[in-house]
Amino acid sequence: WDLDTAYLSLEALAPGTHGQDSAYLRPERQRIEEVLDSRPRSVLRGEAGAGKTTLVWWLASHAVCRTMPKELKALDGLIPFVIPMRSLAAQGITTPTPAQLPTIAQLQVDEAPSGWAGRVLEAGRALLLVDGLDELPRAERGPARRWLADLMRMYPETRCLVTVRPLAVE
């Protein structure tokens, strides 16, 4: 499928914030490009069929081709690692190592040189796209969240988008 044909920009509600007067502000509706531009690490919650997985693949293809819209130019040229959690769970993997990312992401390259993915992460050149964190069995979600938090601490410059369904994850 041509993702430009299949993809329609999503709107998202950014979480409400506390203002200076401590009054809770209502969530603000924004285009997903604006949300991702202002938040290098995001969790996108949406119902099944809302377009989360299509967005993940759209981001991956445009990042690698350097064809992002102007709002997301910072993502141009990043190396996308799509992590489909449902597929990983079927393989018994819920906390992949950096060395496993090229295989998991199904990058169409020869075998990656030893340590390559870690160097990409360390350089802040990775776009980690974790699709369906909620699709893991409930008992494996906690360890997967800790894995992701540890990975983000180890590689603080890594951009990351995680998708989940609203009722499955707090």
N, C-alpha and C. Protein backbone atom coordinates (compact mmCIF):
# COMPACT_ATOMS: atom_id res chain seq x y z
N TRP A 1 0.84 -1.18 0.00
CA TRP A 1 0.00 0.00 0.00
C TRP A 1 0.88 1.23 0.00
N ASP A 2 0.45 2.22 -0.74
CA ASP A 2 1.10 3.52 -0.69
C ASP A 2 0.61 4.21 0.58
N LEU A 3 1.52 4.39 1.55
CA LEU A 3 1.09 4.94 2.84
C LEU A 3 0.61 6.38 2.72
N ASP A 4 1.06 7.11 1.71
CA ASP A 4 0.55 8.46 1.55
C ASP A 4 -0.92 8.44 1.15
N THR A 5 -1.31 7.41 0.41
CA THR A 5 -2.71 7.28 0.03
C THR A 5 -3.54 6.77 1.21
N ALA A 6 -2.97 5.82 1.97
CA ALA A 6 -3.71 5.19 3.06
C ALA A 6 -3.73 6.03 4.33
N TYR A 7 -2.79 6.94 4.47
CA TYR A 7 -2.64 7.65 5.73
C TYR A 7 -3.37 8.99 5.72
N LEU A 8 -4.18 9.21 6.71
CA LEU A 8 -4.81 10.51 6.96
C LEU A 8 -4.28 11.01 8.28
N SER A 9 -3.88 12.25 8.34
CA SER A 9 -3.34 12.79 9.58
C SER A 9 -4.36 12.64 10.70
N LEU A 10 -3.88 12.22 11.84
CA LEU A 10 -4.74 12.03 12.99
C LEU A 10 -4.80 13.29 13.83
N GLU A 11 -5.85 13.41 14.60
CA GLU A 11 -5.92 14.44 15.62
C GLU A 11 -5.79 13.74 16.95
N ALA A 12 -5.13 14.42 17.88
CA ALA A 12 -4.93 13.84 19.20
C ALA A 12 -5.29 14.88 20.24
N LEU A 13 -5.66 14.40 21.40
CA LEU A 13 -5.89 15.28 22.53
C LEU A 13 -4.64 15.21 23.40
N ALA A 14 -3.92 16.31 23.46
CA ALA A 14 -2.77 16.38 24.35
C ALA A 14 -3.29 16.38 25.77
N PRO A 15 -2.56 15.74 26.69
CA PRO A 15 -3.07 15.69 28.06
C PRO A 15 -3.23 17.09 28.63
N GLY A 16 -4.20 17.25 29.52
CA GLY A 16 -4.39 18.52 30.19
C GLY A 16 -3.19 18.82 31.08
N THR A 17 -3.04 20.07 31.42
CA THR A 17 -1.91 20.47 32.25
C THR A 17 -2.43 21.27 33.43
N HIS A 18 -1.57 21.48 34.36
CA HIS A 18 -1.90 22.34 35.49
C HIS A 18 -1.32 23.71 35.22
N GLY A 19 -2.15 24.71 35.26
CA GLY A 19 -1.68 26.08 35.03
C GLY A 19 -1.04 26.65 36.27
N GLN A 20 -0.62 27.90 36.18
CA GLN A 20 0.04 28.55 37.32
C GLN A 20 -0.90 28.65 38.51
N ASP A 21 -2.18 28.75 38.24
CA ASP A 21 -3.13 28.85 39.35
C ASP A 21 -3.60 27.47 39.83
N SER A 22 -2.93 26.42 39.36
CA SER A 22 -3.21 25.03 39.73
C SER A 22 -4.58 24.56 39.25
N ALA A 23 -5.24 25.32 38.41
CA ALA A 23 -6.51 24.87 37.85
C ALA A 23 -6.21 23.91 36.70
N TYR A 24 -6.93 22.83 36.66
CA TYR A 24 -6.73 21.83 35.60
C TYR A 24 -7.25 22.39 34.28
N LEU A 25 -6.44 22.32 33.25
CA LEU A 25 -6.86 22.77 31.93
C LEU A 25 -7.32 21.57 31.12
N ARG A 26 -8.31 21.77 30.29
CA ARG A 26 -8.85 20.69 29.48
C ARG A 26 -7.84 20.28 28.41
N PRO A 27 -7.90 19.02 27.98
CA PRO A 27 -7.00 18.59 26.91
C PRO A 27 -7.21 19.42 25.65
N GLU A 28 -6.14 19.63 24.93
CA GLU A 28 -6.19 20.43 23.72
C GLU A 28 -6.12 19.51 22.50
N ARG A 29 -7.01 19.72 21.53
CA ARG A 29 -7.02 18.94 20.30
C ARG A 29 -5.95 19.50 19.37
N GLN A 30 -5.05 18.60 18.89
CA GLN A 30 -3.98 18.99 17.98
C GLN A 30 -3.81 17.93 16.91
N ARG A 31 -3.24 18.35 15.79
CA ARG A 31 -2.86 17.36 14.78
C ARG A 31 -1.69 16.56 15.33
N ILE A 32 -1.62 15.31 14.97
CA ILE A 32 -0.60 14.42 15.52
C ILE A 32 0.81 14.93 15.21
N GLU A 33 0.99 15.58 14.07
CA GLU A 33 2.30 16.11 13.72
C GLU A 33 2.75 17.16 14.75
N GLU A 34 1.82 17.99 15.21
CA GLU A 34 2.15 19.01 16.20
C GLU A 34 2.49 18.37 17.55
N VAL A 35 1.73 17.33 17.91
CA VAL A 35 1.99 16.66 19.17
C VAL A 35 3.37 16.02 19.15
N LEU A 36 3.69 15.29 18.08
CA LEU A 36 4.96 14.59 18.02
C LEU A 36 6.14 15.56 17.89
N ASP A 37 5.92 16.71 17.28
CA ASP A 37 6.98 17.70 17.17
C ASP A 37 7.34 18.25 18.54
N SER A 38 6.33 18.48 19.37
CA SER A 38 6.58 19.10 20.68
C SER A 38 6.90 18.08 21.78
N ARG A 39 6.72 16.80 21.49
CA ARG A 39 6.95 15.76 22.50
C ARG A 39 7.81 14.65 21.89
N PRO A 40 9.12 14.66 22.13
CA PRO A 40 9.98 13.65 21.53
C PRO A 40 9.70 12.23 22.01
N ARG A 41 8.99 12.12 23.14
CA ARG A 41 8.57 10.81 23.64
C ARG A 41 7.09 10.89 23.95
N SER A 42 6.32 10.04 23.29
CA SER A 42 4.87 10.13 23.41
C SER A 42 4.25 8.75 23.53
N VAL A 43 3.13 8.71 24.22
CA VAL A 43 2.27 7.53 24.24
C VAL A 43 0.99 7.94 23.54
N LEU A 44 0.65 7.23 22.49
CA LEU A 44 -0.56 7.50 21.73
C LEU A 44 -1.59 6.44 22.08
N ARG A 45 -2.67 6.89 22.72
CA ARG A 45 -3.75 5.98 23.10
C ARG A 45 -4.88 6.15 22.10
N GLY A 46 -5.35 5.04 21.56
CA GLY A 46 -6.46 5.10 20.61
C GLY A 46 -7.14 3.75 20.50
N GLU A 47 -8.39 3.80 20.14
CA GLU A 47 -9.16 2.58 19.97
C GLU A 47 -8.61 1.74 18.82
N ALA A 48 -8.96 0.46 18.81
CA ALA A 48 -8.59 -0.42 17.70
C ALA A 48 -9.16 0.18 16.41
N GLY A 49 -8.35 0.23 15.38
CA GLY A 49 -8.79 0.77 14.10
C GLY A 49 -8.66 2.28 13.97
N ALA A 50 -8.09 2.94 14.98
CA ALA A 50 -7.98 4.40 14.95
C ALA A 50 -6.85 4.89 14.05
N GLY A 51 -5.96 3.99 13.64
CA GLY A 51 -4.87 4.39 12.75
C GLY A 51 -3.51 4.43 13.41
N LYS A 52 -3.38 3.86 14.59
CA LYS A 52 -2.10 3.91 15.31
C LYS A 52 -1.00 3.17 14.55
N THR A 53 -1.27 1.96 14.10
CA THR A 53 -0.26 1.17 13.39
C THR A 53 0.07 1.81 12.05
N THR A 54 -0.93 2.32 11.36
CA THR A 54 -0.67 3.02 10.09
C THR A 54 0.22 4.22 10.33
N LEU A 55 -0.01 4.96 11.41
CA LEU A 55 0.84 6.09 11.75
C LEU A 55 2.27 5.63 11.99
N VAL A 56 2.44 4.55 12.73
CA VAL A 56 3.79 4.02 13.01
C VAL A 56 4.54 3.76 11.70
N TRP A 57 3.89 3.06 10.76
CA TRP A 57 4.56 2.73 9.49
C TRP A 57 4.75 3.97 8.63
N TRP A 58 3.83 4.90 8.68
CA TRP A 58 3.98 6.16 7.95
C TRP A 58 5.19 6.92 8.48
N LEU A 59 5.32 7.01 9.79
CA LEU A 59 6.47 7.69 10.40
C LEU A 59 7.77 7.00 10.00
N ALA A 60 7.79 5.67 10.06
CA ALA A 60 9.00 4.92 9.72
C ALA A 60 9.41 5.17 8.27
N SER A 61 8.45 5.07 7.36
CA SER A 61 8.80 5.22 5.94
C SER A 61 9.23 6.64 5.61
N HIS A 62 8.57 7.63 6.18
CA HIS A 62 8.94 9.02 5.89
C HIS A 62 10.24 9.43 6.58
N ALA A 63 10.52 8.88 7.75
CA ALA A 63 11.79 9.20 8.43
C ALA A 63 12.96 8.71 7.60
N VAL A 64 12.88 7.47 7.15
CA VAL A 64 14.01 6.90 6.41
C VAL A 64 14.16 7.53 5.02
N CYS A 65 13.06 7.95 4.42
CA CYS A 65 13.11 8.58 3.09
C CYS A 65 13.36 10.09 3.16
N ARG A 66 13.37 10.63 4.38
CA ARG A 66 13.57 12.07 4.59
C ARG A 66 12.48 12.90 3.90
N THR A 67 11.25 12.46 4.07
CA THR A 67 10.12 13.15 3.44
C THR A 67 9.06 13.56 4.46
N MET A 68 9.48 13.85 5.67
CA MET A 68 8.54 14.26 6.70
C MET A 68 7.95 15.63 6.37
N PRO A 69 6.72 15.87 6.80
CA PRO A 69 6.18 17.23 6.66
C PRO A 69 7.00 18.19 7.51
N LYS A 70 6.86 19.47 7.24
CA LYS A 70 7.71 20.46 7.91
C LYS A 70 7.64 20.39 9.43
N GLU A 71 6.47 20.04 9.99
CA GLU A 71 6.35 19.97 11.45
C GLU A 71 7.25 18.88 12.04
N LEU A 72 7.58 17.87 11.24
CA LEU A 72 8.34 16.73 11.75
C LEU A 72 9.72 16.61 11.10
N LYS A 73 10.25 17.69 10.56
CA LYS A 73 11.55 17.64 9.88
C LYS A 73 12.64 17.11 10.79
N ALA A 74 12.51 17.27 12.11
CA ALA A 74 13.51 16.76 13.04
C ALA A 74 13.63 15.23 12.97
N LEU A 75 12.61 14.57 12.43
CA LEU A 75 12.63 13.11 12.32
C LEU A 75 13.26 12.63 11.02
N ASP A 76 13.42 13.52 10.05
CA ASP A 76 14.02 13.13 8.77
C ASP A 76 15.40 12.52 8.99
N GLY A 77 15.61 11.36 8.40
CA GLY A 77 16.90 10.71 8.46
C GLY A 77 17.14 9.87 9.69
N LEU A 78 16.22 9.88 10.66
CA LEU A 78 16.38 9.00 11.81
C LEU A 78 16.18 7.55 11.35
N ILE A 79 16.80 6.64 12.07
CA ILE A 79 16.67 5.21 11.75
C ILE A 79 15.47 4.68 12.54
N PRO A 80 14.40 4.29 11.83
CA PRO A 80 13.21 3.80 12.54
C PRO A 80 13.36 2.33 12.93
N PHE A 81 13.03 2.06 14.17
CA PHE A 81 12.95 0.69 14.67
C PHE A 81 11.51 0.46 15.07
N VAL A 82 10.75 -0.26 14.22
CA VAL A 82 9.36 -0.58 14.53
C VAL A 82 9.36 -1.85 15.37
N ILE A 83 8.78 -1.75 16.55
CA ILE A 83 8.74 -2.87 17.49
C ILE A 83 7.28 -3.31 17.64
N PRO A 84 6.84 -4.32 16.85
CA PRO A 84 5.45 -4.79 16.94
C PRO A 84 5.31 -5.76 18.12
N MET A 85 4.80 -5.27 19.23
CA MET A 85 4.79 -6.05 20.47
C MET A 85 3.99 -7.35 20.36
N ARG A 86 2.93 -7.35 19.58
CA ARG A 86 2.15 -8.59 19.43
C ARG A 86 3.01 -9.69 18.80
N SER A 87 3.75 -9.34 17.75
CA SER A 87 4.62 -10.31 17.09
C SER A 87 5.72 -10.79 18.03
N LEU A 88 6.27 -9.87 18.80
CA LEU A 88 7.33 -10.25 19.74
C LEU A 88 6.81 -11.20 20.80
N ALA A 89 5.63 -10.90 21.32
CA ALA A 89 5.05 -11.76 22.35
C ALA A 89 4.86 -13.18 21.82
N ALA A 90 4.47 -13.30 20.56
CA ALA A 90 4.29 -14.62 19.95
C ALA A 90 5.62 -15.37 19.87
N GLN A 91 6.73 -14.61 19.82
CA GLN A 91 8.06 -15.23 19.76
C GLN A 91 8.68 -15.39 21.16
N GLY A 92 7.93 -14.95 22.19
CA GLY A 92 8.44 -15.05 23.54
C GLY A 92 9.42 -13.95 23.91
N ILE A 93 9.43 -12.84 23.15
CA ILE A 93 10.33 -11.72 23.42
C ILE A 93 9.49 -10.53 23.89
N THR A 94 9.80 -10.00 25.05
CA THR A 94 9.08 -8.80 25.51
C THR A 94 10.04 -7.69 25.89
N THR A 95 11.32 -8.00 26.00
CA THR A 95 12.32 -6.99 26.35
C THR A 95 13.53 -7.14 25.42
N PRO A 96 13.39 -6.73 24.17
CA PRO A 96 14.49 -6.93 23.21
C PRO A 96 15.72 -6.08 23.54
N THR A 97 16.86 -6.61 23.22
CA THR A 97 18.11 -5.88 23.40
C THR A 97 18.34 -5.00 22.17
N PRO A 98 19.18 -3.98 22.30
CA PRO A 98 19.50 -3.18 21.11
C PRO A 98 19.99 -4.02 19.94
N ALA A 99 20.76 -5.06 20.20
CA ALA A 99 21.27 -5.91 19.12
C ALA A 99 20.15 -6.63 18.37
N GLN A 100 19.00 -6.85 19.04
CA GLN A 100 17.88 -7.52 18.39
C GLN A 100 17.02 -6.57 17.55
N LEU A 101 17.15 -5.27 17.75
CA LEU A 101 16.26 -4.30 17.09
C LEU A 101 16.27 -4.39 15.57
N PRO A 102 17.42 -4.50 14.89
CA PRO A 102 17.36 -4.57 13.42
C PRO A 102 16.54 -5.77 12.92
N THR A 103 16.66 -6.90 13.58
CA THR A 103 15.91 -8.09 13.17
C THR A 103 14.43 -7.91 13.48
N ILE A 104 14.12 -7.44 14.69
CA ILE A 104 12.73 -7.24 15.10
C ILE A 104 12.04 -6.24 14.19
N ALA A 105 12.76 -5.16 13.87
CA ALA A 105 12.19 -4.10 13.04
C ALA A 105 12.12 -4.51 11.57
N GLN A 106 12.64 -5.68 11.25
CA GLN A 106 12.63 -6.21 9.89
C GLN A 106 13.25 -5.23 8.91
N LEU A 107 14.39 -4.65 9.30
CA LEU A 107 15.09 -3.75 8.40
C LEU A 107 15.59 -4.55 7.20
N GLN A 108 15.41 -4.00 6.05
CA GLN A 108 15.79 -4.68 4.81
C GLN A 108 17.27 -4.41 4.50
N VAL A 109 18.12 -4.92 5.37
CA VAL A 109 19.56 -4.76 5.21
C VAL A 109 20.22 -6.10 5.45
N ASP A 110 21.47 -6.21 4.99
CA ASP A 110 22.23 -7.38 5.36
C ASP A 110 22.40 -7.36 6.87
N GLU A 111 23.02 -8.36 7.39
CA GLU A 111 23.22 -8.41 8.84
C GLU A 111 23.91 -7.14 9.31
N ALA A 112 23.34 -6.55 10.34
CA ALA A 112 23.90 -5.31 10.88
C ALA A 112 25.23 -5.61 11.56
N PRO A 113 26.18 -4.68 11.43
CA PRO A 113 27.46 -4.88 12.11
C PRO A 113 27.26 -4.96 13.63
N SER A 114 28.12 -5.67 14.27
CA SER A 114 28.03 -5.82 15.73
C SER A 114 28.00 -4.45 16.40
N GLY A 115 27.02 -4.24 17.27
CA GLY A 115 26.91 -2.99 18.02
C GLY A 115 26.29 -1.83 17.26
N TRP A 116 25.88 -2.05 16.01
CA TRP A 116 25.35 -0.96 15.18
C TRP A 116 24.12 -0.30 15.81
N ALA A 117 23.14 -1.08 16.22
CA ALA A 117 21.91 -0.49 16.77
C ALA A 117 22.21 0.30 18.04
N GLY A 118 23.10 -0.21 18.87
CA GLY A 118 23.48 0.53 20.07
C GLY A 118 24.13 1.86 19.73
N ARG A 119 24.95 1.88 18.69
CA ARG A 119 25.58 3.14 18.26
C ARG A 119 24.55 4.11 17.72
N VAL A 120 23.56 3.61 16.99
CA VAL A 120 22.48 4.47 16.48
C VAL A 120 21.71 5.07 17.64
N LEU A 121 21.38 4.26 18.63
CA LEU A 121 20.68 4.75 19.82
C LEU A 121 21.53 5.77 20.58
N GLU A 122 22.79 5.44 20.78
CA GLU A 122 23.70 6.32 21.52
C GLU A 122 23.85 7.68 20.84
N ALA A 123 23.86 7.69 19.52
CA ALA A 123 24.02 8.93 18.77
C ALA A 123 22.73 9.74 18.69
N GLY A 124 21.63 9.22 19.21
CA GLY A 124 20.36 9.93 19.14
C GLY A 124 19.77 9.92 17.73
N ARG A 125 20.12 8.93 16.93
CA ARG A 125 19.66 8.85 15.55
C ARG A 125 18.54 7.82 15.37
N ALA A 126 18.00 7.31 16.48
CA ALA A 126 16.96 6.28 16.41
C ALA A 126 15.58 6.88 16.61
N LEU A 127 14.63 6.31 15.91
CA LEU A 127 13.21 6.60 16.11
C LEU A 127 12.57 5.28 16.52
N LEU A 128 12.32 5.13 17.81
CA LEU A 128 11.77 3.89 18.35
C LEU A 128 10.26 3.97 18.29
N LEU A 129 9.64 3.04 17.56
CA LEU A 129 8.20 3.03 17.36
C LEU A 129 7.65 1.72 17.93
N VAL A 130 7.17 1.78 19.16
CA VAL A 130 6.70 0.60 19.89
C VAL A 130 5.19 0.50 19.66
N ASP A 131 4.79 -0.46 18.86
CA ASP A 131 3.39 -0.58 18.46
C ASP A 131 2.67 -1.64 19.28
N GLY A 132 1.65 -1.21 20.02
CA GLY A 132 0.80 -2.15 20.73
C GLY A 132 1.39 -2.69 22.02
N LEU A 133 1.92 -1.81 22.85
CA LEU A 133 2.46 -2.26 24.14
C LEU A 133 1.41 -3.00 24.94
N ASP A 134 0.16 -2.63 24.76
CA ASP A 134 -0.95 -3.27 25.47
C ASP A 134 -1.25 -4.66 24.95
N GLU A 135 -0.65 -5.06 23.83
CA GLU A 135 -0.96 -6.36 23.24
C GLU A 135 -0.15 -7.50 23.85
N LEU A 136 0.67 -7.16 24.83
CA LEU A 136 1.37 -8.19 25.58
C LEU A 136 0.43 -8.77 26.61
N PRO A 137 0.65 -10.01 27.01
CA PRO A 137 -0.13 -10.54 28.14
C PRO A 137 0.08 -9.64 29.36
N ARG A 138 -0.95 -9.47 30.15
CA ARG A 138 -0.93 -8.56 31.29
C ARG A 138 0.32 -8.74 32.17
N ALA A 139 0.71 -9.99 32.43
CA ALA A 139 1.85 -10.26 33.31
C ALA A 139 3.17 -9.75 32.71
N GLU A 140 3.22 -9.57 31.40
CA GLU A 140 4.46 -9.15 30.74
C GLU A 140 4.52 -7.64 30.49
N ARG A 141 3.43 -6.94 30.77
CA ARG A 141 3.41 -5.49 30.50
C ARG A 141 4.34 -4.73 31.44
N GLY A 142 4.36 -5.08 32.71
CA GLY A 142 5.23 -4.40 33.68
C GLY A 142 6.69 -4.52 33.28
N PRO A 143 7.19 -5.75 33.04
CA PRO A 143 8.58 -5.88 32.61
C PRO A 143 8.86 -5.14 31.29
N ALA A 144 7.90 -5.12 30.38
CA ALA A 144 8.10 -4.40 29.11
C ALA A 144 8.18 -2.90 29.35
N ARG A 145 7.35 -2.37 30.24
CA ARG A 145 7.42 -0.93 30.56
C ARG A 145 8.76 -0.59 31.21
N ARG A 146 9.24 -1.46 32.11
CA ARG A 146 10.55 -1.23 32.73
C ARG A 146 11.66 -1.29 31.69
N TRP A 147 11.57 -2.25 30.76
CA TRP A 147 12.55 -2.35 29.67
C TRP A 147 12.59 -1.04 28.88
N LEU A 148 11.43 -0.53 28.52
CA LEU A 148 11.36 0.69 27.74
C LEU A 148 11.89 1.88 28.53
N ALA A 149 11.52 1.98 29.80
CA ALA A 149 12.02 3.07 30.64
C ALA A 149 13.54 3.00 30.77
N ASP A 150 14.07 1.80 30.95
CA ASP A 150 15.53 1.63 31.05
C ASP A 150 16.21 2.03 29.74
N LEU A 151 15.62 1.63 28.63
CA LEU A 151 16.17 1.97 27.31
C LEU A 151 16.18 3.48 27.12
N MET A 152 15.12 4.16 27.53
CA MET A 152 15.04 5.61 27.39
C MET A 152 16.05 6.31 28.30
N ARG A 153 16.30 5.73 29.48
CA ARG A 153 17.33 6.30 30.37
C ARG A 153 18.73 6.11 29.78
N MET A 154 18.97 4.94 29.21
CA MET A 154 20.28 4.65 28.62
C MET A 154 20.56 5.51 27.39
N TYR A 155 19.51 5.80 26.63
CA TYR A 155 19.65 6.54 25.38
C TYR A 155 18.71 7.74 25.40
N PRO A 156 19.06 8.78 26.15
CA PRO A 156 18.13 9.89 26.38
C PRO A 156 17.79 10.72 25.14
N GLU A 157 18.56 10.63 24.08
CA GLU A 157 18.27 11.40 22.88
C GLU A 157 17.36 10.65 21.90
N THR A 158 16.98 9.43 22.22
CA THR A 158 16.15 8.62 21.34
C THR A 158 14.72 9.15 21.32
N ARG A 159 14.20 9.38 20.12
CA ARG A 159 12.78 9.74 19.96
C ARG A 159 11.98 8.46 20.06
N CYS A 160 10.80 8.53 20.67
CA CYS A 160 10.02 7.31 20.89
C CYS A 160 8.52 7.61 20.84
N LEU A 161 7.80 6.73 20.16
CA LEU A 161 6.34 6.75 20.16
C LEU A 161 5.88 5.35 20.54
N VAL A 162 4.98 5.28 21.52
CA VAL A 162 4.40 4.02 21.96
C VAL A 162 2.91 4.10 21.69
N THR A 163 2.33 3.06 21.10
CA THR A 163 0.88 3.05 20.88
C THR A 163 0.23 2.02 21.81
N VAL A 164 -0.96 2.38 22.29
CA VAL A 164 -1.74 1.50 23.18
C VAL A 164 -3.23 1.78 22.96
N ARG A 165 -4.04 0.83 23.36
CA ARG A 165 -5.49 1.05 23.39
C ARG A 165 -5.86 1.63 24.74
N PRO A 166 -6.84 2.52 24.80
CA PRO A 166 -7.15 3.23 26.05
C PRO A 166 -7.53 2.34 27.23
N LEU A 167 -8.30 1.32 27.00
CA LEU A 167 -8.78 0.52 28.12
C LEU A 167 -7.76 -0.51 28.60
N ALA A 168 -6.69 -0.70 27.82
CA ALA A 168 -5.74 -1.75 28.16
C ALA A 168 -4.60 -1.26 29.05
N VAL A 169 -4.29 0.02 29.00
CA VAL A 169 -3.13 0.56 29.72
C VAL A 169 -3.51 1.87 30.36
N GLU A 170 -3.09 2.06 31.62
CA GLU A 170 -3.36 3.32 32.31
C GLU A 170 -2.68 4.47 31.60
